[in-house]
Amino acid sequence: MKKKKKKKFKYIIGIDFETVDLKEGEGSIVEVGICLWDCRKKCRDEMRIVSSYKELFKPDLKITKGATRSHRITNKDVEKLKPYNDTWDVILTDWLEMYGKNIPIVGHNLAFERKHAMAQGSIVFKLHEKYYDTMKQLPDEKGKWVSLEKMVDKHLPKKSIFRGNFHRALDDAIMSCAIAQKLLVNKVKPWKEDDLLS
């Protein structure tokens, strides 16, 4: 009996939002970061980020003090910016068209991103089916989900060029891809179809 070949992904897409409120499903998006990541083994680390996009918005609600403590974005930082727009969703759609519609979308705590994206009418999150949530892969010894910071400390070398500023959208998207590269592509942790919704 022939063994089934494991699915190999050439590319993955990382995504992260920062919001005006830390509560899941509340508030509006203040920053978005997305990146298209090359998973192929022959690719050198400095070439892994094929394309990226980030944008800060002026939200329709005030940024709470708790959120600012986390992502360090203040109301003053965004007061003269344009309001939220869906450019990121259009870019994701283009990447999926160009590089393959079954590319997994990767993030840390993707349920949070999904709720906000759906609330803003995202076409990609409405139609896409392949997701990989790095938060749900390796719970700690007590069975609790691990923060992105702990995942990075565990899986990325201290001198990794992908280590960035935590709780900034593009940096978090990139770090999530680097972790997914190790767990998903290198088969440390197998793919699960319900990673987003479980």
N, C-alpha and C. Protein backbone atom coordinates (compact mmCIF):
# COMPACT_ATOMS: atom_id res chain seq x y z
N MET A 1 0.84 -1.19 0.00
CA MET A 1 0.00 0.00 0.00
C MET A 1 0.88 1.26 0.00
N LYS A 2 0.62 2.16 -0.91
CA LYS A 2 1.42 3.37 -1.04
C LYS A 2 1.09 4.37 0.06
N LYS A 3 2.15 4.98 0.59
CA LYS A 3 1.93 6.02 1.59
C LYS A 3 1.53 7.30 0.90
N LYS A 4 0.63 8.04 1.54
CA LYS A 4 0.23 9.33 1.00
C LYS A 4 1.36 10.33 1.16
N LYS A 5 1.62 11.07 0.11
CA LYS A 5 2.65 12.10 0.20
C LYS A 5 2.16 13.26 1.06
N LYS A 6 3.03 13.75 1.94
CA LYS A 6 2.66 14.89 2.78
C LYS A 6 2.59 16.14 1.93
N LYS A 7 1.62 16.96 2.22
CA LYS A 7 1.44 18.20 1.48
C LYS A 7 2.60 19.14 1.74
N LYS A 8 3.20 19.62 0.65
CA LYS A 8 4.29 20.59 0.79
C LYS A 8 3.81 21.94 0.31
N PHE A 9 4.02 22.95 1.13
CA PHE A 9 3.60 24.30 0.78
C PHE A 9 4.81 25.09 0.29
N LYS A 10 4.67 25.68 -0.88
CA LYS A 10 5.74 26.53 -1.40
C LYS A 10 5.68 27.92 -0.76
N TYR A 11 4.45 28.34 -0.43
CA TYR A 11 4.27 29.67 0.13
C TYR A 11 3.23 29.62 1.24
N ILE A 12 3.34 30.56 2.17
CA ILE A 12 2.31 30.82 3.16
C ILE A 12 2.14 32.33 3.27
N ILE A 13 1.01 32.75 3.82
CA ILE A 13 0.74 34.18 3.99
C ILE A 13 0.55 34.46 5.48
N GLY A 14 1.32 35.40 6.00
CA GLY A 14 1.20 35.80 7.40
C GLY A 14 0.33 37.04 7.53
N ILE A 15 -0.44 37.10 8.62
CA ILE A 15 -1.31 38.26 8.84
C ILE A 15 -1.40 38.59 10.32
N ASP A 16 -1.50 39.87 10.63
CA ASP A 16 -1.72 40.28 12.01
C ASP A 16 -2.40 41.65 12.02
N PHE A 17 -3.30 41.84 12.99
CA PHE A 17 -3.95 43.13 13.23
C PHE A 17 -3.58 43.64 14.61
N GLU A 18 -3.48 44.94 14.74
CA GLU A 18 -3.48 45.58 16.05
C GLU A 18 -4.77 46.40 16.10
N THR A 19 -5.40 46.43 17.27
CA THR A 19 -6.72 47.06 17.38
C THR A 19 -6.76 48.10 18.50
N VAL A 20 -7.88 48.81 18.56
CA VAL A 20 -8.03 49.86 19.57
C VAL A 20 -8.31 49.29 20.95
N ASP A 21 -8.69 48.00 21.00
CA ASP A 21 -9.04 47.36 22.26
C ASP A 21 -8.47 45.96 22.26
N LEU A 22 -8.02 45.47 23.39
CA LEU A 22 -7.42 44.14 23.46
C LEU A 22 -8.45 43.02 23.54
N LYS A 23 -9.70 43.37 23.83
CA LYS A 23 -10.74 42.34 23.97
C LYS A 23 -11.05 41.75 22.61
N GLU A 24 -11.15 40.41 22.57
CA GLU A 24 -11.40 39.72 21.32
C GLU A 24 -12.75 40.12 20.74
N GLY A 25 -12.75 40.51 19.48
CA GLY A 25 -14.00 40.83 18.80
C GLY A 25 -14.51 42.22 19.05
N GLU A 26 -13.76 43.03 19.80
CA GLU A 26 -14.21 44.39 20.07
C GLU A 26 -13.25 45.40 19.45
N GLY A 27 -13.76 46.60 19.23
CA GLY A 27 -12.90 47.66 18.73
C GLY A 27 -12.68 47.58 17.24
N SER A 28 -11.85 48.45 16.73
CA SER A 28 -11.59 48.48 15.31
C SER A 28 -10.10 48.37 15.03
N ILE A 29 -9.77 48.06 13.80
CA ILE A 29 -8.38 47.81 13.40
C ILE A 29 -7.63 49.14 13.31
N VAL A 30 -6.45 49.17 13.93
CA VAL A 30 -5.62 50.38 13.88
C VAL A 30 -4.35 50.12 13.04
N GLU A 31 -3.95 48.86 12.93
CA GLU A 31 -2.78 48.53 12.11
C GLU A 31 -2.94 47.13 11.52
N VAL A 32 -2.51 46.97 10.28
CA VAL A 32 -2.53 45.66 9.62
C VAL A 32 -1.15 45.39 9.05
N GLY A 33 -0.75 44.13 9.12
CA GLY A 33 0.51 43.72 8.51
C GLY A 33 0.31 42.36 7.85
N ILE A 34 0.77 42.22 6.61
CA ILE A 34 0.67 40.95 5.89
C ILE A 34 2.00 40.69 5.19
N CYS A 35 2.34 39.42 5.02
CA CYS A 35 3.54 39.08 4.26
C CYS A 35 3.36 37.78 3.51
N LEU A 36 3.95 37.71 2.34
CA LEU A 36 3.98 36.50 1.52
C LEU A 36 5.34 35.86 1.74
N TRP A 37 5.33 34.61 2.16
CA TRP A 37 6.54 33.93 2.66
C TRP A 37 6.87 32.72 1.80
N ASP A 38 8.12 32.61 1.39
CA ASP A 38 8.61 31.48 0.58
C ASP A 38 9.08 30.37 1.51
N CYS A 39 8.43 29.21 1.44
CA CYS A 39 8.74 28.09 2.33
C CYS A 39 9.76 27.11 1.76
N ARG A 40 10.13 27.28 0.52
CA ARG A 40 10.98 26.28 -0.12
C ARG A 40 12.35 26.18 0.54
N LYS A 41 12.84 24.95 0.69
CA LYS A 41 14.10 24.70 1.41
C LYS A 41 15.27 25.42 0.77
N LYS A 42 15.27 25.52 -0.54
CA LYS A 42 16.42 26.13 -1.23
C LYS A 42 16.47 27.65 -1.04
N CYS A 43 15.39 28.21 -0.51
CA CYS A 43 15.32 29.66 -0.34
C CYS A 43 16.18 30.10 0.86
N ARG A 44 17.03 31.09 0.65
CA ARG A 44 17.83 31.64 1.74
C ARG A 44 16.94 32.51 2.63
N ASP A 45 17.28 32.60 3.92
CA ASP A 45 16.45 33.33 4.88
C ASP A 45 16.19 34.77 4.44
N GLU A 46 17.21 35.44 3.93
CA GLU A 46 17.04 36.84 3.55
C GLU A 46 16.11 37.03 2.35
N MET A 47 15.75 35.91 1.69
CA MET A 47 14.86 35.99 0.53
C MET A 47 13.45 35.45 0.83
N ARG A 48 13.21 35.03 2.07
CA ARG A 48 11.94 34.37 2.38
C ARG A 48 10.73 35.30 2.24
N ILE A 49 10.89 36.57 2.61
CA ILE A 49 9.77 37.50 2.50
C ILE A 49 9.67 37.99 1.05
N VAL A 50 8.73 37.42 0.32
CA VAL A 50 8.56 37.73 -1.11
C VAL A 50 7.96 39.12 -1.26
N SER A 51 6.97 39.41 -0.43
CA SER A 51 6.30 40.71 -0.48
C SER A 51 5.65 40.97 0.87
N SER A 52 5.48 42.24 1.19
CA SER A 52 4.83 42.58 2.47
C SER A 52 4.10 43.91 2.35
N TYR A 53 3.19 44.12 3.29
CA TYR A 53 2.42 45.37 3.30
C TYR A 53 2.02 45.66 4.74
N LYS A 54 2.11 46.92 5.12
CA LYS A 54 1.62 47.32 6.44
C LYS A 54 1.01 48.71 6.33
N GLU A 55 0.03 48.97 7.18
CA GLU A 55 -0.60 50.30 7.18
C GLU A 55 -1.21 50.59 8.55
N LEU A 56 -1.04 51.82 8.97
CA LEU A 56 -1.70 52.33 10.17
C LEU A 56 -2.94 53.11 9.73
N PHE A 57 -3.99 53.04 10.53
CA PHE A 57 -5.24 53.74 10.22
C PHE A 57 -5.66 54.64 11.38
N LYS A 58 -6.48 55.61 11.06
CA LYS A 58 -7.17 56.37 12.10
C LYS A 58 -8.46 55.62 12.40
N PRO A 59 -8.57 55.00 13.57
CA PRO A 59 -9.76 54.19 13.86
C PRO A 59 -10.97 55.06 14.19
N ASP A 60 -12.13 54.44 14.16
CA ASP A 60 -13.35 55.18 14.47
C ASP A 60 -13.62 55.23 15.98
N LEU A 61 -12.76 54.56 16.76
CA LEU A 61 -12.85 54.58 18.21
C LEU A 61 -11.49 54.98 18.79
N LYS A 62 -11.48 55.48 19.99
CA LYS A 62 -10.23 55.84 20.66
C LYS A 62 -9.46 54.56 21.05
N ILE A 63 -8.16 54.62 20.94
CA ILE A 63 -7.32 53.51 21.36
C ILE A 63 -7.25 53.50 22.89
N THR A 64 -7.54 52.37 23.49
CA THR A 64 -7.52 52.29 24.95
C THR A 64 -6.08 52.29 25.47
N LYS A 65 -5.92 52.65 26.75
CA LYS A 65 -4.59 52.67 27.36
C LYS A 65 -3.97 51.27 27.38
N GLY A 66 -4.82 50.27 27.60
CA GLY A 66 -4.32 48.89 27.62
C GLY A 66 -3.77 48.46 26.27
N ALA A 67 -4.47 48.85 25.21
CA ALA A 67 -4.00 48.51 23.87
C ALA A 67 -2.69 49.24 23.55
N THR A 68 -2.61 50.51 23.95
CA THR A 68 -1.38 51.28 23.71
C THR A 68 -0.20 50.68 24.45
N ARG A 69 -0.42 50.19 25.68
CA ARG A 69 0.66 49.54 26.43
C ARG A 69 1.17 48.32 25.68
N SER A 70 0.27 47.64 24.97
CA SER A 70 0.65 46.44 24.24
C SER A 70 1.38 46.75 22.93
N HIS A 71 0.73 47.54 22.05
CA HIS A 71 1.34 47.78 20.73
C HIS A 71 2.06 49.12 20.60
N ARG A 72 1.97 49.95 21.63
CA ARG A 72 2.68 51.24 21.67
C ARG A 72 2.19 52.23 20.60
N ILE A 73 0.99 52.04 20.09
CA ILE A 73 0.40 52.99 19.14
C ILE A 73 -0.54 53.90 19.91
N THR A 74 -0.33 55.20 19.84
CA THR A 74 -1.15 56.15 20.58
C THR A 74 -2.19 56.81 19.67
N ASN A 75 -3.17 57.44 20.29
CA ASN A 75 -4.17 58.18 19.51
C ASN A 75 -3.52 59.32 18.72
N LYS A 76 -2.48 59.92 19.29
CA LYS A 76 -1.77 61.00 18.60
C LYS A 76 -1.08 60.48 17.34
N ASP A 77 -0.56 59.24 17.40
CA ASP A 77 0.13 58.64 16.25
C ASP A 77 -0.77 58.54 15.02
N VAL A 78 -2.07 58.36 15.27
CA VAL A 78 -2.97 58.06 14.15
C VAL A 78 -3.98 59.18 13.85
N GLU A 79 -3.93 60.27 14.60
CA GLU A 79 -4.98 61.29 14.48
C GLU A 79 -5.06 61.94 13.09
N LYS A 80 -3.95 61.98 12.35
CA LYS A 80 -3.95 62.61 11.03
C LYS A 80 -3.94 61.60 9.88
N LEU A 81 -4.11 60.34 10.20
CA LEU A 81 -4.08 59.30 9.17
C LEU A 81 -5.45 59.09 8.54
N LYS A 82 -5.46 58.35 7.43
CA LYS A 82 -6.71 58.01 6.76
C LYS A 82 -7.44 56.94 7.56
N PRO A 83 -8.77 56.88 7.44
CA PRO A 83 -9.51 55.81 8.14
C PRO A 83 -9.23 54.45 7.51
N TYR A 84 -9.73 53.43 8.18
CA TYR A 84 -9.54 52.05 7.72
C TYR A 84 -9.95 51.89 6.26
N ASN A 85 -9.15 51.09 5.52
CA ASN A 85 -9.53 50.68 4.16
C ASN A 85 -9.14 49.22 3.97
N ASP A 86 -9.63 48.61 2.91
CA ASP A 86 -9.41 47.17 2.70
C ASP A 86 -8.31 46.87 1.70
N THR A 87 -7.34 47.74 1.55
CA THR A 87 -6.23 47.49 0.62
C THR A 87 -5.57 46.14 0.90
N TRP A 88 -5.37 45.82 2.16
CA TRP A 88 -4.72 44.55 2.53
C TRP A 88 -5.50 43.35 2.00
N ASP A 89 -6.82 43.43 2.01
CA ASP A 89 -7.67 42.34 1.55
C ASP A 89 -7.52 42.16 0.03
N VAL A 90 -7.40 43.27 -0.67
CA VAL A 90 -7.19 43.24 -2.13
C VAL A 90 -5.83 42.61 -2.45
N ILE A 91 -4.80 43.00 -1.67
CA ILE A 91 -3.46 42.44 -1.88
C ILE A 91 -3.46 40.93 -1.61
N LEU A 92 -4.12 40.50 -0.53
CA LEU A 92 -4.21 39.07 -0.24
C LEU A 92 -4.87 38.32 -1.38
N THR A 93 -5.93 38.89 -1.92
CA THR A 93 -6.64 38.27 -3.05
C THR A 93 -5.70 38.12 -4.23
N ASP A 94 -4.91 39.15 -4.51
CA ASP A 94 -3.95 39.10 -5.62
C ASP A 94 -2.90 38.01 -5.38
N TRP A 95 -2.37 37.94 -4.14
CA TRP A 95 -1.36 36.91 -3.85
C TRP A 95 -1.93 35.51 -4.04
N LEU A 96 -3.15 35.30 -3.59
CA LEU A 96 -3.78 33.98 -3.73
C LEU A 96 -4.00 33.63 -5.20
N GLU A 97 -4.32 34.62 -6.00
CA GLU A 97 -4.50 34.40 -7.45
C GLU A 97 -3.16 34.06 -8.11
N MET A 98 -2.11 34.74 -7.70
CA MET A 98 -0.80 34.58 -8.35
C MET A 98 -0.03 33.35 -7.86
N TYR A 99 -0.14 33.04 -6.57
CA TYR A 99 0.71 32.00 -6.00
C TYR A 99 -0.04 30.72 -5.60
N GLY A 100 -1.34 30.70 -5.72
CA GLY A 100 -2.11 29.50 -5.41
C GLY A 100 -3.21 29.75 -4.40
N LYS A 101 -4.41 29.36 -4.74
CA LYS A 101 -5.57 29.66 -3.88
C LYS A 101 -5.59 28.86 -2.59
N ASN A 102 -4.79 27.78 -2.52
CA ASN A 102 -4.78 26.96 -1.31
C ASN A 102 -3.63 27.27 -0.37
N ILE A 103 -2.98 28.41 -0.57
CA ILE A 103 -1.91 28.82 0.35
C ILE A 103 -2.50 29.01 1.75
N PRO A 104 -1.89 28.40 2.77
CA PRO A 104 -2.40 28.64 4.13
C PRO A 104 -2.17 30.08 4.58
N ILE A 105 -3.16 30.64 5.24
CA ILE A 105 -3.00 31.93 5.91
C ILE A 105 -2.59 31.63 7.35
N VAL A 106 -1.51 32.26 7.78
CA VAL A 106 -0.87 31.95 9.06
C VAL A 106 -0.95 33.15 10.00
N GLY A 107 -1.12 32.88 11.27
CA GLY A 107 -1.10 33.94 12.27
C GLY A 107 -1.08 33.35 13.67
N HIS A 108 -0.87 34.19 14.65
CA HIS A 108 -0.89 33.75 16.05
C HIS A 108 -2.18 34.26 16.68
N ASN A 109 -3.06 33.33 17.05
CA ASN A 109 -4.42 33.64 17.51
C ASN A 109 -5.24 34.17 16.34
N LEU A 110 -5.36 33.35 15.30
CA LEU A 110 -6.07 33.75 14.08
C LEU A 110 -7.56 34.01 14.30
N ALA A 111 -8.13 33.42 15.34
CA ALA A 111 -9.55 33.68 15.60
C ALA A 111 -9.79 35.17 15.83
N PHE A 112 -8.81 35.84 16.47
CA PHE A 112 -8.89 37.28 16.71
C PHE A 112 -8.90 38.04 15.38
N GLU A 113 -7.93 37.70 14.50
CA GLU A 113 -7.88 38.35 13.18
C GLU A 113 -9.14 38.07 12.38
N ARG A 114 -9.62 36.86 12.46
CA ARG A 114 -10.80 36.47 11.68
C ARG A 114 -12.03 37.28 12.09
N LYS A 115 -12.23 37.44 13.38
CA LYS A 115 -13.40 38.19 13.86
C LYS A 115 -13.37 39.63 13.35
N HIS A 116 -12.19 40.26 13.45
CA HIS A 116 -12.09 41.65 13.00
C HIS A 116 -12.19 41.76 11.49
N ALA A 117 -11.58 40.82 10.77
CA ALA A 117 -11.64 40.84 9.31
C ALA A 117 -13.06 40.65 8.82
N MET A 118 -13.77 39.71 9.42
CA MET A 118 -15.16 39.45 9.02
C MET A 118 -16.04 40.65 9.34
N ALA A 119 -15.78 41.30 10.46
CA ALA A 119 -16.56 42.49 10.84
C ALA A 119 -16.37 43.62 9.83
N GLN A 120 -15.18 43.65 9.19
CA GLN A 120 -14.89 44.68 8.19
C GLN A 120 -15.27 44.24 6.78
N GLY A 121 -15.87 43.06 6.65
CA GLY A 121 -16.34 42.60 5.34
C GLY A 121 -15.27 41.98 4.47
N SER A 122 -14.23 41.38 5.08
CA SER A 122 -13.15 40.78 4.31
C SER A 122 -13.65 39.69 3.37
N ILE A 123 -13.25 39.80 2.10
CA ILE A 123 -13.60 38.78 1.10
C ILE A 123 -12.75 37.54 1.33
N VAL A 124 -11.46 37.72 1.58
CA VAL A 124 -10.55 36.59 1.75
C VAL A 124 -10.98 35.71 2.91
N PHE A 125 -11.24 36.31 4.08
CA PHE A 125 -11.60 35.51 5.24
C PHE A 125 -12.98 34.87 5.10
N LYS A 126 -13.79 35.41 4.23
CA LYS A 126 -15.11 34.83 3.99
C LYS A 126 -15.01 33.58 3.12
N LEU A 127 -14.05 33.58 2.18
CA LEU A 127 -13.99 32.51 1.19
C LEU A 127 -12.84 31.52 1.40
N HIS A 128 -11.76 31.95 2.04
CA HIS A 128 -10.58 31.10 2.14
C HIS A 128 -10.80 29.96 3.13
N GLU A 129 -10.13 28.82 2.88
CA GLU A 129 -10.37 27.63 3.70
C GLU A 129 -9.14 27.10 4.43
N LYS A 130 -7.95 27.53 4.07
CA LYS A 130 -6.74 26.98 4.65
C LYS A 130 -6.12 27.97 5.64
N TYR A 131 -6.06 27.58 6.91
CA TYR A 131 -5.49 28.45 7.94
C TYR A 131 -4.55 27.64 8.83
N TYR A 132 -3.59 28.30 9.42
CA TYR A 132 -2.69 27.65 10.36
C TYR A 132 -2.42 28.62 11.50
N ASP A 133 -2.96 28.29 12.66
CA ASP A 133 -2.84 29.16 13.83
C ASP A 133 -1.68 28.67 14.69
N THR A 134 -0.59 29.43 14.71
CA THR A 134 0.59 29.00 15.46
C THR A 134 0.31 28.90 16.96
N MET A 135 -0.64 29.67 17.46
CA MET A 135 -0.95 29.64 18.89
C MET A 135 -1.49 28.29 19.32
N LYS A 136 -2.17 27.60 18.42
CA LYS A 136 -2.86 26.37 18.79
C LYS A 136 -2.02 25.11 18.56
N GLN A 137 -0.75 25.28 18.29
CA GLN A 137 0.06 24.12 17.95
C GLN A 137 0.73 23.44 19.13
N LEU A 138 1.39 24.19 19.96
CA LEU A 138 2.17 23.58 21.04
C LEU A 138 1.82 24.21 22.38
N PRO A 139 0.71 23.77 23.00
CA PRO A 139 0.37 24.32 24.32
C PRO A 139 1.43 23.95 25.36
N ASP A 140 1.47 24.73 26.44
CA ASP A 140 2.46 24.45 27.47
C ASP A 140 2.08 23.21 28.28
N GLU A 141 2.89 22.89 29.28
CA GLU A 141 2.66 21.67 30.06
C GLU A 141 1.32 21.66 30.81
N LYS A 142 0.73 22.84 31.00
CA LYS A 142 -0.58 22.93 31.65
C LYS A 142 -1.73 22.94 30.63
N GLY A 143 -1.38 22.82 29.35
CA GLY A 143 -2.40 22.79 28.30
C GLY A 143 -2.87 24.17 27.87
N LYS A 144 -2.16 25.22 28.30
CA LYS A 144 -2.57 26.57 27.93
C LYS A 144 -1.86 27.00 26.65
N TRP A 145 -2.55 27.86 25.88
CA TRP A 145 -1.95 28.38 24.65
C TRP A 145 -0.78 29.29 25.00
N VAL A 146 0.25 29.24 24.19
CA VAL A 146 1.48 29.97 24.46
C VAL A 146 1.52 31.28 23.67
N SER A 147 2.05 32.33 24.28
CA SER A 147 2.14 33.63 23.62
C SER A 147 3.13 33.58 22.46
N LEU A 148 3.00 34.53 21.55
CA LEU A 148 3.93 34.62 20.42
C LEU A 148 5.35 34.80 20.93
N GLU A 149 5.52 35.60 21.99
CA GLU A 149 6.85 35.83 22.55
C GLU A 149 7.51 34.51 22.97
N LYS A 150 6.75 33.64 23.64
CA LYS A 150 7.30 32.36 24.08
C LYS A 150 7.58 31.44 22.91
N MET A 151 6.70 31.48 21.89
CA MET A 151 6.92 30.66 20.70
C MET A 151 8.20 31.08 19.99
N VAL A 152 8.40 32.39 19.88
CA VAL A 152 9.61 32.92 19.23
C VAL A 152 10.85 32.50 20.01
N ASP A 153 10.80 32.66 21.35
CA ASP A 153 11.95 32.28 22.18
C ASP A 153 12.29 30.80 22.03
N LYS A 154 11.26 29.99 21.84
CA LYS A 154 11.47 28.54 21.74
C LYS A 154 11.94 28.11 20.35
N HIS A 155 11.42 28.77 19.31
CA HIS A 155 11.63 28.25 17.95
C HIS A 155 12.52 29.08 17.04
N LEU A 156 12.79 30.33 17.39
CA LEU A 156 13.65 31.16 16.54
C LEU A 156 14.96 31.46 17.24
N PRO A 157 16.08 31.25 16.58
CA PRO A 157 17.38 31.58 17.19
C PRO A 157 17.44 33.04 17.60
N LYS A 158 18.21 33.32 18.62
CA LYS A 158 18.31 34.69 19.12
C LYS A 158 18.80 35.67 18.06
N LYS A 159 19.61 35.20 17.13
CA LYS A 159 20.14 36.07 16.08
C LYS A 159 19.32 36.01 14.79
N SER A 160 18.14 35.39 14.86
CA SER A 160 17.29 35.29 13.66
C SER A 160 16.93 36.67 13.13
N ILE A 161 17.02 36.83 11.81
CA ILE A 161 16.67 38.12 11.20
C ILE A 161 15.16 38.36 11.24
N PHE A 162 14.39 37.35 11.62
CA PHE A 162 12.93 37.49 11.65
C PHE A 162 12.39 37.92 13.00
N ARG A 163 13.25 38.01 14.00
CA ARG A 163 12.79 38.52 15.30
C ARG A 163 12.53 40.02 15.17
N GLY A 164 11.36 40.48 15.62
CA GLY A 164 11.03 41.89 15.49
C GLY A 164 10.39 42.44 16.75
N ASN A 165 9.64 43.51 16.58
CA ASN A 165 8.94 44.15 17.70
C ASN A 165 7.59 43.46 17.91
N PHE A 166 7.42 42.85 19.07
CA PHE A 166 6.16 42.17 19.35
C PHE A 166 5.01 43.17 19.41
N HIS A 167 3.84 42.71 18.96
CA HIS A 167 2.61 43.50 18.96
C HIS A 167 2.66 44.67 17.97
N ARG A 168 3.47 44.54 16.94
CA ARG A 168 3.36 45.41 15.78
C ARG A 168 3.02 44.48 14.63
N ALA A 169 2.04 44.88 13.84
CA ALA A 169 1.36 43.97 12.93
C ALA A 169 2.29 43.22 11.96
N LEU A 170 3.12 43.94 11.23
CA LEU A 170 3.95 43.26 10.24
C LEU A 170 4.99 42.36 10.91
N ASP A 171 5.60 42.84 11.98
CA ASP A 171 6.59 42.02 12.69
C ASP A 171 5.96 40.73 13.21
N ASP A 172 4.77 40.83 13.78
CA ASP A 172 4.07 39.63 14.28
C ASP A 172 3.73 38.68 13.14
N ALA A 173 3.30 39.23 11.99
CA ALA A 173 2.97 38.39 10.83
C ALA A 173 4.21 37.64 10.35
N ILE A 174 5.34 38.32 10.31
CA ILE A 174 6.60 37.70 9.88
C ILE A 174 7.05 36.63 10.87
N MET A 175 7.00 36.94 12.16
CA MET A 175 7.41 35.95 13.17
C MET A 175 6.50 34.73 13.15
N SER A 176 5.21 34.94 12.90
CA SER A 176 4.27 33.80 12.80
C SER A 176 4.64 32.92 11.62
N CYS A 177 5.04 33.52 10.50
CA CYS A 177 5.47 32.74 9.33
C CYS A 177 6.74 31.95 9.63
N ALA A 178 7.69 32.58 10.32
CA ALA A 178 8.94 31.90 10.65
C ALA A 178 8.68 30.69 11.54
N ILE A 179 7.74 30.83 12.49
CA ILE A 179 7.38 29.71 13.36
C ILE A 179 6.65 28.64 12.55
N ALA A 180 5.72 29.05 11.71
CA ALA A 180 4.97 28.10 10.88
C ALA A 180 5.91 27.35 9.94
N GLN A 181 6.93 28.03 9.45
CA GLN A 181 7.94 27.39 8.58
C GLN A 181 8.52 26.17 9.31
N LYS A 182 8.83 26.36 10.57
CA LYS A 182 9.44 25.27 11.34
C LYS A 182 8.42 24.20 11.70
N LEU A 183 7.25 24.60 12.17
CA LEU A 183 6.26 23.64 12.66
C LEU A 183 5.50 22.94 11.55
N LEU A 184 5.03 23.72 10.58
CA LEU A 184 4.16 23.18 9.53
C LEU A 184 4.97 22.59 8.39
N VAL A 185 5.87 23.37 7.86
CA VAL A 185 6.62 22.94 6.67
C VAL A 185 7.64 21.87 7.01
N ASN A 186 8.33 22.03 8.15
CA ASN A 186 9.34 21.04 8.55
C ASN A 186 8.75 19.88 9.34
N LYS A 187 7.44 19.87 9.46
CA LYS A 187 6.69 18.75 10.04
C LYS A 187 6.99 18.49 11.51
N VAL A 188 7.35 19.54 12.27
CA VAL A 188 7.47 19.38 13.71
C VAL A 188 6.09 19.12 14.30
N LYS A 189 5.11 19.82 13.75
CA LYS A 189 3.72 19.66 14.18
C LYS A 189 2.88 19.48 12.92
N PRO A 190 2.10 18.40 12.81
CA PRO A 190 1.37 18.15 11.57
C PRO A 190 0.23 19.13 11.32
N TRP A 191 -0.15 19.22 10.08
CA TRP A 191 -1.26 20.06 9.66
C TRP A 191 -2.57 19.55 10.23
N LYS A 192 -3.42 20.44 10.71
CA LYS A 192 -4.76 20.06 11.14
C LYS A 192 -5.74 20.98 10.40
N GLU A 193 -6.75 20.39 9.80
CA GLU A 193 -7.68 21.17 8.99
C GLU A 193 -8.45 22.20 9.78
N ASP A 194 -8.70 21.92 11.07
CA ASP A 194 -9.54 22.82 11.86
C ASP A 194 -8.72 23.73 12.77
N ASP A 195 -7.49 24.05 12.37
CA ASP A 195 -6.64 24.86 13.23
C ASP A 195 -7.26 26.21 13.59
N LEU A 196 -8.01 26.80 12.67
CA LEU A 196 -8.59 28.12 12.93
C LEU A 196 -9.76 28.02 13.89
N LEU A 197 -10.61 27.04 13.68
CA LEU A 197 -11.90 27.03 14.36
C LEU A 197 -11.94 26.15 15.61
N SER A 198 -10.92 25.30 15.79
CA SER A 198 -10.97 24.39 16.95
C SER A 198 -10.68 25.12 18.25
